[in-house]
Full PDB file with SEQRES, HELIX, SHEET, SSBOND, CRYST1, ORIGX, SCALE, CONECT and MASTER records, all heavy atoms in Angstrom:
SEQRES   1 A   41  THR ARG VAL LEU THR SER HIS ASP PRO GLN ALA ALA LEU          
SEQRES   2 A   41  ALA GLU ALA ASP LEU VAL LEU GLY LEU LYS ASP GLY ARG          
SEQRES   3 A   41  ALA SER PHE VAL GLY ALA PRO GLU GLN LEU SER ALA ALA          
SEQRES   4 A   41  LYS LEU                                                      
HELIX    1 AA1 PRO A    9  GLU A   15  1                                   7    
HELIX    2 AA2 PRO A   33  GLN A   35  5                                   3    
SHEET    1 AA1 2 VAL A  19  LYS A  23  0                                        
SHEET    2 AA1 2 ARG A  26  GLY A  31 -1                                        
CRYST1    1.000    1.000    1.000  90.00  90.00  90.00 P 1           1          
ORIGX1      1.000000  0.000000  0.000000        0.00000                         
ORIGX2      0.000000  1.000000  0.000000        0.00000                         
ORIGX3      0.000000  0.000000  1.000000        0.00000                         
SCALE1      1.000000  0.000000  0.000000        0.00000                         
SCALE2      0.000000  1.000000  0.000000        0.00000                         
SCALE3      0.000000  0.000000  1.000000        0.00000                         
ATOM      1  N   THR A   1       0.848  -1.187   0.000  1.00  0.00           N  
ATOM      2  CA  THR A   1       0.000   0.000   0.000  1.00  0.00           C  
ATOM      3  C   THR A   1       0.886   1.239   0.000  1.00  0.00           C  
ATOM      4  O   THR A   1       1.889   1.287   0.712  1.00  0.00           O  
ATOM      5  CB  THR A   1      -0.900   0.009   1.247  1.00  0.00           C  
ATOM      6  OG1 THR A   1      -1.613  -1.226   1.320  1.00  0.00           O  
ATOM      7  CG2 THR A   1      -1.886   1.163   1.213  1.00  0.00           C  
ATOM      8  N   ARG A   2       0.522   2.234  -0.804  1.00  0.00           N  
ATOM      9  CA  ARG A   2       1.328   3.453  -0.870  1.00  0.00           C  
ATOM     10  C   ARG A   2       0.454   4.686  -0.688  1.00  0.00           C  
ATOM     11  O   ARG A   2      -0.668   4.746  -1.195  1.00  0.00           O  
ATOM     12  CB  ARG A   2       2.049   3.573  -2.217  1.00  0.00           C  
ATOM     13  CG  ARG A   2       3.013   2.437  -2.539  1.00  0.00           C  
ATOM     14  CD  ARG A   2       3.751   2.698  -3.846  1.00  0.00           C  
ATOM     15  NE  ARG A   2       2.811   2.924  -4.936  1.00  0.00           N  
ATOM     16  CZ  ARG A   2       3.088   3.665  -6.019  1.00  0.00           C  
ATOM     17  NH1 ARG A   2       4.243   4.269  -6.159  1.00  0.00           N  
ATOM     18  NH2 ARG A   2       2.186   3.810  -6.983  1.00  0.00           N  
ATOM     19  N   VAL A   3       0.994   5.668   0.023  1.00  0.00           N  
ATOM     20  CA  VAL A   3       0.410   7.000   0.095  1.00  0.00           C  
ATOM     21  C   VAL A   3       1.483   7.958  -0.390  1.00  0.00           C  
ATOM     22  O   VAL A   3       2.591   7.974   0.168  1.00  0.00           O  
ATOM     23  CB  VAL A   3      -0.033   7.368   1.523  1.00  0.00           C  
ATOM     24  CG1 VAL A   3      -0.627   8.781   1.553  1.00  0.00           C  
ATOM     25  CG2 VAL A   3      -1.033   6.355   2.059  1.00  0.00           C  
ATOM     26  N   LEU A   4       1.192   8.728  -1.423  1.00  0.00           N  
ATOM     27  CA  LEU A   4       2.240   9.561  -1.994  1.00  0.00           C  
ATOM     28  C   LEU A   4       1.755  10.977  -2.266  1.00  0.00           C  
ATOM     29  O   LEU A   4       0.582  11.217  -2.508  1.00  0.00           O  
ATOM     30  CB  LEU A   4       2.799   8.939  -3.278  1.00  0.00           C  
ATOM     31  CG  LEU A   4       1.905   8.805  -4.507  1.00  0.00           C  
ATOM     32  CD1 LEU A   4       1.989  10.047  -5.385  1.00  0.00           C  
ATOM     33  CD2 LEU A   4       2.303   7.598  -5.334  1.00  0.00           C  
ATOM     34  N   THR A   5       2.700  11.907  -2.178  1.00  0.00           N  
ATOM     35  CA  THR A   5       2.495  13.273  -2.622  1.00  0.00           C  
ATOM     36  C   THR A   5       3.505  13.551  -3.724  1.00  0.00           C  
ATOM     37  O   THR A   5       4.539  12.885  -3.819  1.00  0.00           O  
ATOM     38  CB  THR A   5       2.701  14.299  -1.496  1.00  0.00           C  
ATOM     39  OG1 THR A   5       4.107  14.406  -1.203  1.00  0.00           O  
ATOM     40  CG2 THR A   5       1.941  13.901  -0.234  1.00  0.00           C  
ATOM     41  N   SER A   6       3.214  14.539  -4.555  1.00  0.00           N  
ATOM     42  CA  SER A   6       4.138  14.900  -5.621  1.00  0.00           C  
ATOM     43  C   SER A   6       3.894  16.342  -6.027  1.00  0.00           C  
ATOM     44  O   SER A   6       2.755  16.816  -6.017  1.00  0.00           O  
ATOM     45  CB  SER A   6       3.951  13.977  -6.833  1.00  0.00           C  
ATOM     46  OG  SER A   6       4.737  14.419  -7.927  1.00  0.00           O  
ATOM     47  N   HIS A   7       4.971  17.036  -6.394  1.00  0.00           N  
ATOM     48  CA  HIS A   7       4.815  18.389  -6.919  1.00  0.00           C  
ATOM     49  C   HIS A   7       4.227  18.358  -8.321  1.00  0.00           C  
ATOM     50  O   HIS A   7       3.803  19.381  -8.843  1.00  0.00           O  
ATOM     51  CB  HIS A   7       6.183  19.098  -6.940  1.00  0.00           C  
ATOM     52  CG  HIS A   7       7.138  18.521  -7.949  1.00  0.00           C  
ATOM     53  ND1 HIS A   7       7.901  17.399  -7.691  1.00  0.00           N  
ATOM     54  CD2 HIS A   7       7.433  18.893  -9.217  1.00  0.00           C  
ATOM     55  CE1 HIS A   7       8.636  17.112  -8.757  1.00  0.00           C  
ATOM     56  NE2 HIS A   7       8.374  17.995  -9.693  1.00  0.00           N  
ATOM     57  N   ASP A   8       4.203  17.170  -8.919  1.00  0.00           N  
ATOM     58  CA  ASP A   8       3.661  16.983 -10.267  1.00  0.00           C  
ATOM     59  C   ASP A   8       2.354  16.204 -10.160  1.00  0.00           C  
ATOM     60  O   ASP A   8       2.358  14.970 -10.109  1.00  0.00           O  
ATOM     61  CB  ASP A   8       4.672  16.220 -11.124  1.00  0.00           C  
ATOM     62  CG  ASP A   8       4.212  16.046 -12.565  1.00  0.00           C  
ATOM     63  OD1 ASP A   8       3.024  16.294 -12.845  1.00  0.00           O  
ATOM     64  OD2 ASP A   8       5.040  15.644 -13.398  1.00  0.00           O  
ATOM     65  N   PRO A   9       1.202  16.884 -10.117  1.00  0.00           N  
ATOM     66  CA  PRO A   9      -0.067  16.175  -9.911  1.00  0.00           C  
ATOM     67  C   PRO A   9      -0.379  15.164 -11.006  1.00  0.00           C  
ATOM     68  O   PRO A   9      -0.947  14.105 -10.728  1.00  0.00           O  
ATOM     69  CB  PRO A   9      -1.106  17.299  -9.857  1.00  0.00           C  
ATOM     70  CG  PRO A   9      -0.463  18.479 -10.488  1.00  0.00           C  
ATOM     71  CD  PRO A   9       0.992  18.339 -10.209  1.00  0.00           C  
ATOM     72  N   GLN A  10       0.009  15.455 -12.241  1.00  0.00           N  
ATOM     73  CA  GLN A  10      -0.283  14.513 -13.318  1.00  0.00           C  
ATOM     74  C   GLN A  10       0.489  13.212 -13.132  1.00  0.00           C  
ATOM     75  O   GLN A  10      -0.039  12.119 -13.382  1.00  0.00           O  
ATOM     76  CB  GLN A  10       0.043  15.147 -14.684  1.00  0.00           C  
ATOM     77  CG  GLN A  10      -0.827  16.345 -15.036  1.00  0.00           C  
ATOM     78  CD  GLN A  10      -2.305  15.998 -15.122  1.00  0.00           C  
ATOM     79  OE1 GLN A  10      -2.678  14.850 -15.359  1.00  0.00           O  
ATOM     80  NE2 GLN A  10      -3.166  16.994 -14.927  1.00  0.00           N  
ATOM     81  N   ALA A  11       1.731  13.312 -12.681  1.00  0.00           N  
ATOM     82  CA  ALA A  11       2.518  12.108 -12.413  1.00  0.00           C  
ATOM     83  C   ALA A  11       1.909  11.308 -11.266  1.00  0.00           C  
ATOM     84  O   ALA A  11       1.848  10.076 -11.316  1.00  0.00           O  
ATOM     85  CB  ALA A  11       3.961  12.491 -12.094  1.00  0.00           C  
ATOM     86  N   ALA A  12       1.444  12.008 -10.237  1.00  0.00           N  
ATOM     87  CA  ALA A  12       0.822  11.326  -9.109  1.00  0.00           C  
ATOM     88  C   ALA A  12      -0.477  10.643  -9.525  1.00  0.00           C  
ATOM     89  O   ALA A  12      -0.758   9.510  -9.112  1.00  0.00           O  
ATOM     90  CB  ALA A  12       0.554  12.324  -7.982  1.00  0.00           C  
ATOM     91  N   LEU A  13      -1.276  11.312 -10.351  1.00  0.00           N  
ATOM     92  CA  LEU A  13      -2.529  10.724 -10.822  1.00  0.00           C  
ATOM     93  C   LEU A  13      -2.276   9.454 -11.630  1.00  0.00           C  
ATOM     94  O   LEU A  13      -3.055   8.494 -11.554  1.00  0.00           O  
ATOM     95  CB  LEU A  13      -3.298  11.738 -11.667  1.00  0.00           C  
ATOM     96  CG  LEU A  13      -3.953  12.886 -10.901  1.00  0.00           C  
ATOM     97  CD1 LEU A  13      -4.467  13.949 -11.876  1.00  0.00           C  
ATOM     98  CD2 LEU A  13      -5.083  12.374 -10.034  1.00  0.00           C  
ATOM     99  N   ALA A  14      -1.180   9.439 -12.381  1.00  0.00           N  
ATOM    100  CA  ALA A  14      -0.860   8.265 -13.193  1.00  0.00           C  
ATOM    101  C   ALA A  14      -0.537   7.052 -12.334  1.00  0.00           C  
ATOM    102  O   ALA A  14      -0.690   5.909 -12.783  1.00  0.00           O  
ATOM    103  CB  ALA A  14       0.314   8.584 -14.126  1.00  0.00           C  
ATOM    104  N   GLU A  15      -0.107   7.287 -11.098  1.00  0.00           N  
ATOM    105  CA  GLU A  15       0.253   6.190 -10.196  1.00  0.00           C  
ATOM    106  C   GLU A  15      -0.876   5.775  -9.271  1.00  0.00           C  
ATOM    107  O   GLU A  15      -0.798   4.764  -8.596  1.00  0.00           O  
ATOM    108  CB  GLU A  15       1.445   6.604  -9.323  1.00  0.00           C  
ATOM    109  CG  GLU A  15       2.745   6.810 -10.061  1.00  0.00           C  
ATOM    110  CD  GLU A  15       3.910   6.867  -9.080  1.00  0.00           C  
ATOM    111  OE1 GLU A  15       4.190   5.850  -8.434  1.00  0.00           O  
ATOM    112  OE2 GLU A  15       4.512   7.944  -8.965  1.00  0.00           O  
ATOM    113  N   ALA A  16      -1.937   6.575  -9.219  1.00  0.00           N  
ATOM    114  CA  ALA A  16      -2.924   6.441  -8.141  1.00  0.00           C  
ATOM    115  C   ALA A  16      -4.085   5.520  -8.495  1.00  0.00           C  
ATOM    116  O   ALA A  16      -4.521   5.438  -9.639  1.00  0.00           O  
ATOM    117  CB  ALA A  16      -3.465   7.819  -7.772  1.00  0.00           C  
ATOM    118  N   ASP A  17      -4.584   4.836  -7.465  1.00  0.00           N  
ATOM    119  CA  ASP A  17      -5.868   4.136  -7.536  1.00  0.00           C  
ATOM    120  C   ASP A  17      -6.964   4.992  -6.910  1.00  0.00           C  
ATOM    121  O   ASP A  17      -8.143   4.837  -7.232  1.00  0.00           O  
ATOM    122  CB  ASP A  17      -5.792   2.803  -6.784  1.00  0.00           C  
ATOM    123  CG  ASP A  17      -4.713   1.899  -7.334  1.00  0.00           C  
ATOM    124  OD1 ASP A  17      -4.807   1.504  -8.502  1.00  0.00           O  
ATOM    125  OD2 ASP A  17      -3.754   1.587  -6.584  1.00  0.00           O  
ATOM    126  N   LEU A  18      -6.560   5.869  -6.000  1.00  0.00           N  
ATOM    127  CA  LEU A  18      -7.481   6.712  -5.254  1.00  0.00           C  
ATOM    128  C   LEU A  18      -6.813   8.065  -5.033  1.00  0.00           C  
ATOM    129  O   LEU A  18      -5.588   8.128  -4.863  1.00  0.00           O  
ATOM    130  CB  LEU A  18      -7.807   6.058  -3.902  1.00  0.00           C  
ATOM    131  CG  LEU A  18      -8.783   6.756  -2.956  1.00  0.00           C  
ATOM    132  CD1 LEU A  18     -10.184   6.795  -3.564  1.00  0.00           C  
ATOM    133  CD2 LEU A  18      -8.814   6.040  -1.606  1.00  0.00           C  
ATOM    134  N   VAL A  19      -7.623   9.135  -5.029  1.00  0.00           N  
ATOM    135  CA  VAL A  19      -7.076  10.488  -4.866  1.00  0.00           C  
ATOM    136  C   VAL A  19      -7.761  11.170  -3.695  1.00  0.00           C  
ATOM    137  O   VAL A  19      -8.989  11.107  -3.539  1.00  0.00           O  
ATOM    138  CB  VAL A  19      -7.295  11.323  -6.142  1.00  0.00           C  
ATOM    139  CG1 VAL A  19      -6.799  12.759  -5.935  1.00  0.00           C  
ATOM    140  CG2 VAL A  19      -6.592  10.684  -7.333  1.00  0.00           C  
ATOM    141  N   LEU A  20      -6.944  11.817  -2.865  1.00  0.00           N  
ATOM    142  CA  LEU A  20      -7.438  12.710  -1.823  1.00  0.00           C  
ATOM    143  C   LEU A  20      -6.939  14.101  -2.163  1.00  0.00           C  
ATOM    144  O   LEU A  20      -5.727  14.355  -2.169  1.00  0.00           O  
ATOM    145  CB  LEU A  20      -6.927  12.280  -0.449  1.00  0.00           C  
ATOM    146  CG  LEU A  20      -7.142  13.254   0.710  1.00  0.00           C  
ATOM    147  CD1 LEU A  20      -8.633  13.488   0.960  1.00  0.00           C  
ATOM    148  CD2 LEU A  20      -6.448  12.756   1.979  1.00  0.00           C  
ATOM    149  N   GLY A  21      -7.857  15.002  -2.467  1.00  0.00           N  
ATOM    150  CA  GLY A  21      -7.493  16.381  -2.770  1.00  0.00           C  
ATOM    151  C   GLY A  21      -7.717  17.258  -1.558  1.00  0.00           C  
ATOM    152  O   GLY A  21      -8.843  17.340  -1.052  1.00  0.00           O  
ATOM    153  N   LEU A  22      -6.675  17.901  -1.074  1.00  0.00           N  
ATOM    154  CA  LEU A  22      -6.760  18.767   0.101  1.00  0.00           C  
ATOM    155  C   LEU A  22      -6.764  20.228  -0.313  1.00  0.00           C  
ATOM    156  O   LEU A  22      -5.971  20.646  -1.164  1.00  0.00           O  
ATOM    157  CB  LEU A  22      -5.593  18.502   1.051  1.00  0.00           C  
ATOM    158  CG  LEU A  22      -5.539  17.133   1.724  1.00  0.00           C  
ATOM    159  CD1 LEU A  22      -4.273  17.009   2.570  1.00  0.00           C  
ATOM    160  CD2 LEU A  22      -6.770  16.894   2.587  1.00  0.00           C  
ATOM    161  N   LYS A  23      -7.648  20.985   0.312  1.00  0.00           N  
ATOM    162  CA  LYS A  23      -7.735  22.427   0.078  1.00  0.00           C  
ATOM    163  C   LYS A  23      -7.877  23.099   1.435  1.00  0.00           C  
ATOM    164  O   LYS A  23      -8.870  22.908   2.139  1.00  0.00           O  
ATOM    165  CB  LYS A  23      -8.953  22.739  -0.802  1.00  0.00           C  
ATOM    166  CG  LYS A  23      -9.164  24.212  -1.091  1.00  0.00           C  
ATOM    167  CD  LYS A  23      -8.238  24.708  -2.176  1.00  0.00           C  
ATOM    168  CE  LYS A  23      -8.635  26.115  -2.622  1.00  0.00           C  
ATOM    169  NZ  LYS A  23      -7.733  26.648  -3.643  1.00  0.00           N  
ATOM    170  N   ASP A  24      -6.839  23.824   1.840  1.00  0.00           N  
ATOM    171  CA  ASP A  24      -6.852  24.504   3.145  1.00  0.00           C  
ATOM    172  C   ASP A  24      -7.177  23.532   4.275  1.00  0.00           C  
ATOM    173  O   ASP A  24      -7.928  23.854   5.200  1.00  0.00           O  
ATOM    174  CB  ASP A  24      -7.856  25.657   3.139  1.00  0.00           C  
ATOM    175  CG  ASP A  24      -7.516  26.712   2.099  1.00  0.00           C  
ATOM    176  OD1 ASP A  24      -6.313  26.948   1.876  1.00  0.00           O  
ATOM    177  OD2 ASP A  24      -8.447  27.282   1.508  1.00  0.00           O  
ATOM    178  N   GLY A  25      -6.598  22.334   4.195  1.00  0.00           N  
ATOM    179  CA  GLY A  25      -6.753  21.352   5.267  1.00  0.00           C  
ATOM    180  C   GLY A  25      -8.007  20.515   5.209  1.00  0.00           C  
ATOM    181  O   GLY A  25      -8.192  19.612   6.030  1.00  0.00           O  
ATOM    182  N   ARG A  26      -8.880  20.791   4.257  1.00  0.00           N  
ATOM    183  CA  ARG A  26     -10.122  20.024   4.126  1.00  0.00           C  
ATOM    184  C   ARG A  26     -10.025  19.060   2.944  1.00  0.00           C  
ATOM    185  O   ARG A  26      -9.317  19.321   1.973  1.00  0.00           O  
ATOM    186  CB  ARG A  26     -11.304  20.962   3.894  1.00  0.00           C  
ATOM    187  CG  ARG A  26     -11.592  21.921   5.042  1.00  0.00           C  
ATOM    188  CD  ARG A  26     -12.762  22.825   4.676  1.00  0.00           C  
ATOM    189  NE  ARG A  26     -13.026  23.828   5.696  1.00  0.00           N  
ATOM    190  CZ  ARG A  26     -13.841  23.648   6.730  1.00  0.00           C  
ATOM    191  NH1 ARG A  26     -14.465  22.475   6.883  1.00  0.00           N  
ATOM    192  NH2 ARG A  26     -14.034  24.613   7.614  1.00  0.00           N  
ATOM    193  N   ALA A  27     -10.783  17.971   3.028  1.00  0.00           N  
ATOM    194  CA  ALA A  27     -10.865  17.036   1.909  1.00  0.00           C  
ATOM    195  C   ALA A  27     -11.824  17.614   0.878  1.00  0.00           C  
ATOM    196  O   ALA A  27     -13.042  17.517   1.015  1.00  0.00           O  
ATOM    197  CB  ALA A  27     -11.339  15.679   2.395  1.00  0.00           C  
ATOM    198  N   SER A  28     -11.267  18.223  -0.162  1.00  0.00           N  
ATOM    199  CA  SER A  28     -12.077  18.845  -1.201  1.00  0.00           C  
ATOM    200  C   SER A  28     -12.506  17.833  -2.255  1.00  0.00           C  
ATOM    201  O   SER A  28     -13.491  18.048  -2.964  1.00  0.00           O  
ATOM    202  CB  SER A  28     -11.287  19.983  -1.859  1.00  0.00           C  
ATOM    203  OG  SER A  28     -12.021  20.600  -2.872  1.00  0.00           O  
ATOM    204  N   PHE A  29     -11.744  16.726  -2.357  1.00  0.00           N  
ATOM    205  CA  PHE A  29     -12.075  15.663  -3.313  1.00  0.00           C  
ATOM    206  C   PHE A  29     -11.576  14.337  -2.778  1.00  0.00           C  
ATOM    207  O   PHE A  29     -10.443  14.239  -2.304  1.00  0.00           O  
ATOM    208  CB  PHE A  29     -11.434  15.939  -4.684  1.00  0.00           C  
ATOM    209  CG  PHE A  29     -11.647  14.826  -5.674  1.00  0.00           C  
ATOM    210  CD1 PHE A  29     -12.781  14.792  -6.454  1.00  0.00           C  
ATOM    211  CD2 PHE A  29     -10.719  13.804  -5.797  1.00  0.00           C  
ATOM    212  CE1 PHE A  29     -13.001  13.747  -7.356  1.00  0.00           C  
ATOM    213  CE2 PHE A  29     -10.922  12.762  -6.696  1.00  0.00           C  
ATOM    214  CZ  PHE A  29     -12.066  12.739  -7.483  1.00  0.00           C  
ATOM    215  N   VAL A  30     -12.408  13.306  -2.873  1.00  0.00           N  
ATOM    216  CA  VAL A  30     -12.002  11.927  -2.593  1.00  0.00           C  
ATOM    217  C   VAL A  30     -12.646  11.057  -3.654  1.00  0.00           C  
ATOM    218  O   VAL A  30     -13.876  11.062  -3.813  1.00  0.00           O  
ATOM    219  CB  VAL A  30     -12.440  11.452  -1.192  1.00  0.00           C  
ATOM    220  CG1 VAL A  30     -11.991  10.013  -0.968  1.00  0.00           C  
ATOM    221  CG2 VAL A  30     -11.897  12.356  -0.101  1.00  0.00           C  
ATOM    222  N   GLY A  31     -11.829  10.332  -4.408  1.00  0.00           N  
ATOM    223  CA  GLY A  31     -12.392   9.484  -5.450  1.00  0.00           C  
ATOM    224  C   GLY A  31     -11.318   8.917  -6.349  1.00  0.00           C  
ATOM    225  O   GLY A  31     -10.115   9.085  -6.111  1.00  0.00           O  
ATOM    226  N   ALA A  32     -11.739   8.241  -7.407  1.00  0.00           N  
ATOM    227  CA  ALA A  32     -10.815   7.660  -8.376  1.00  0.00           C  
ATOM    228  C   ALA A  32     -10.195   8.757  -9.242  1.00  0.00           C  
ATOM    229  O   ALA A  32     -10.805   9.814  -9.437  1.00  0.00           O  
ATOM    230  CB  ALA A  32     -11.564   6.653  -9.252  1.00  0.00           C  
ATOM    231  N   PRO A  33      -8.991   8.521  -9.762  1.00  0.00           N  
ATOM    232  CA  PRO A  33      -8.327   9.551 -10.577  1.00  0.00           C  
ATOM    233  C   PRO A  33      -9.179  10.009 -11.761  1.00  0.00           C  
ATOM    234  O   PRO A  33      -9.203  11.201 -12.080  1.00  0.00           O  
ATOM    235  CB  PRO A  33      -7.049   8.857 -11.047  1.00  0.00           C  
ATOM    236  CG  PRO A  33      -6.799   7.784 -10.058  1.00  0.00           C  
ATOM    237  CD  PRO A  33      -8.133   7.337  -9.576  1.00  0.00           C  
ATOM    238  N   GLU A  34      -9.880   9.078 -12.396  1.00  0.00           N  
ATOM    239  CA  GLU A  34     -10.665   9.441 -13.569  1.00  0.00           C  
ATOM    240  C   GLU A  34     -11.886  10.287 -13.223  1.00  0.00           C  
ATOM    241  O   GLU A  34     -12.498  10.896 -14.107  1.00  0.00           O  
ATOM    242  CB  GLU A  34     -11.101   8.181 -14.325  1.00  0.00           C  
ATOM    243  CG  GLU A  34     -11.936   7.205 -13.527  1.00  0.00           C  
ATOM    244  CD  GLU A  34     -11.108   6.157 -12.812  1.00  0.00           C  
ATOM    245  OE1 GLU A  34      -9.889   6.379 -12.620  1.00  0.00           O  
ATOM    246  OE2 GLU A  34     -11.678   5.115 -12.447  1.00  0.00           O  
ATOM    247  N   GLN A  35     -12.229  10.358 -11.938  1.00  0.00           N  
ATOM    248  CA  GLN A  35     -13.357  11.188 -11.515  1.00  0.00           C  
ATOM    249  C   GLN A  35     -12.940  12.629 -11.213  1.00  0.00           C  
ATOM    250  O   GLN A  35     -13.802  13.492 -11.007  1.00  0.00           O  
ATOM    251  CB  GLN A  35     -14.004  10.581 -10.263  1.00  0.00           C  
ATOM    252  CG  GLN A  35     -14.628   9.216 -10.490  1.00  0.00           C  
ATOM    253  CD  GLN A  35     -15.107   8.588  -9.195  1.00  0.00           C  
ATOM    254  OE1 GLN A  35     -14.465   8.717  -8.149  1.00  0.00           O  
ATOM    255  NE2 GLN A  35     -16.225   7.897  -9.245  1.00  0.00           N  
ATOM    256  N   LEU A  36     -11.640  12.879 -11.187  1.00  0.00           N  
ATOM    257  CA  LEU A  36     -11.135  14.219 -10.881  1.00  0.00           C  
ATOM    258  C   LEU A  36     -11.074  15.041 -12.157  1.00  0.00           C  
ATOM    259  O   LEU A  36     -10.239  14.803 -13.028  1.00  0.00           O  
ATOM    260  CB  LEU A  36      -9.750  14.124 -10.235  1.00  0.00           C  
ATOM    261  CG  LEU A  36      -9.088  15.442  -9.845  1.00  0.00           C  
ATOM    262  CD1 LEU A  36      -9.912  16.187  -8.795  1.00  0.00           C  
ATOM    263  CD2 LEU A  36      -7.665  15.196  -9.331  1.00  0.00           C  
ATOM    264  N   SER A  37     -11.957  16.013 -12.269  1.00  0.00           N  
ATOM    265  CA  SER A  37     -12.000  16.842 -13.476  1.00  0.00           C  
ATOM    266  C   SER A  37     -10.833  17.820 -13.507  1.00  0.00           C  
ATOM    267  O   SER A  37     -10.221  18.133 -12.472  1.00  0.00           O  
ATOM    268  CB  SER A  37     -13.313  17.630 -13.527  1.00  0.00           C  
ATOM    269  OG  SER A  37     -13.352  18.588 -12.481  1.00  0.00           O  
ATOM    270  N   ALA A  38     -10.531  18.310 -14.698  1.00  0.00           N  
ATOM    271  CA  ALA A  38      -9.466  19.302 -14.846  1.00  0.00           C  
ATOM    272  C   ALA A  38      -9.785  20.560 -14.042  1.00  0.00           C  
ATOM    273  O   ALA A  38      -8.895  21.174 -13.438  1.00  0.00           O  
ATOM    274  CB  ALA A  38      -9.271  19.640 -16.320  1.00  0.00           C  
ATOM    275  N   ALA A  39     -11.064  20.921 -14.013  1.00  0.00           N  
ATOM    276  CA  ALA A  39     -11.466  22.114 -13.266  1.00  0.00           C  
ATOM    277  C   ALA A  39     -11.257  21.909 -11.771  1.00  0.00           C  
ATOM    278  O   ALA A  39     -10.792  22.827 -11.064  1.00  0.00           O  
ATOM    279  CB  ALA A  39     -12.930  22.444 -13.552  1.00  0.00           C  
ATOM    280  N   LYS A  40     -11.594  20.725 -11.269  1.00  0.00           N  
ATOM    281  CA  LYS A  40     -11.419  20.450  -9.840  1.00  0.00           C  
ATOM    282  C   LYS A  40      -9.938  20.400  -9.483  1.00  0.00           C  
ATOM    283  O   LYS A  40      -9.520  20.893  -8.432  1.00  0.00           O  
ATOM    284  CB  LYS A  40     -12.093  19.121  -9.494  1.00  0.00           C  
ATOM    285  CG  LYS A  40     -12.106  18.825  -7.989  1.00  0.00           C  
ATOM    286  CD  LYS A  40     -12.917  19.860  -7.238  1.00  0.00           C  
ATOM    287  CE  LYS A  40     -13.018  19.550  -5.771  1.00  0.00           C  
ATOM    288  NZ  LYS A  40     -13.792  20.561  -5.018  1.00  0.00           N  
ATOM    289  N   LEU A  41      -9.135  19.825 -10.363  1.00  0.00           N  
ATOM    290  CA  LEU A  41      -7.690  19.779 -10.136  1.00  0.00           C  
ATOM    291  C   LEU A  41      -7.124  21.195 -10.063  1.00  0.00           C  
ATOM    292  O   LEU A  41      -6.315  21.520  -9.187  1.00  0.00           O  
ATOM    293  CB  LEU A  41      -7.006  18.970 -11.232  1.00  0.00           C  
ATOM    294  CG  LEU A  41      -5.491  18.832 -11.111  1.00  0.00           C  
ATOM    295  CD1 LEU A  41      -5.085  18.131  -9.827  1.00  0.00           C  
ATOM    296  CD2 LEU A  41      -4.934  18.066 -12.337  1.00  0.00           C  
TER     297      LEU A  41                                                      
MASTER        0    0    0    2    2    0    0    6  296    1    0    4          
END                                                                             
């Protein structure tokens, strides 16, 4: 099992099965990489 961060979000998305998007300490997005829209990213 891996939990990773990266300065390159596209590279991280390519490795991910699941994404947690943080915005000001809150979970702004939780879901599969393909569910994360360009606008949300």
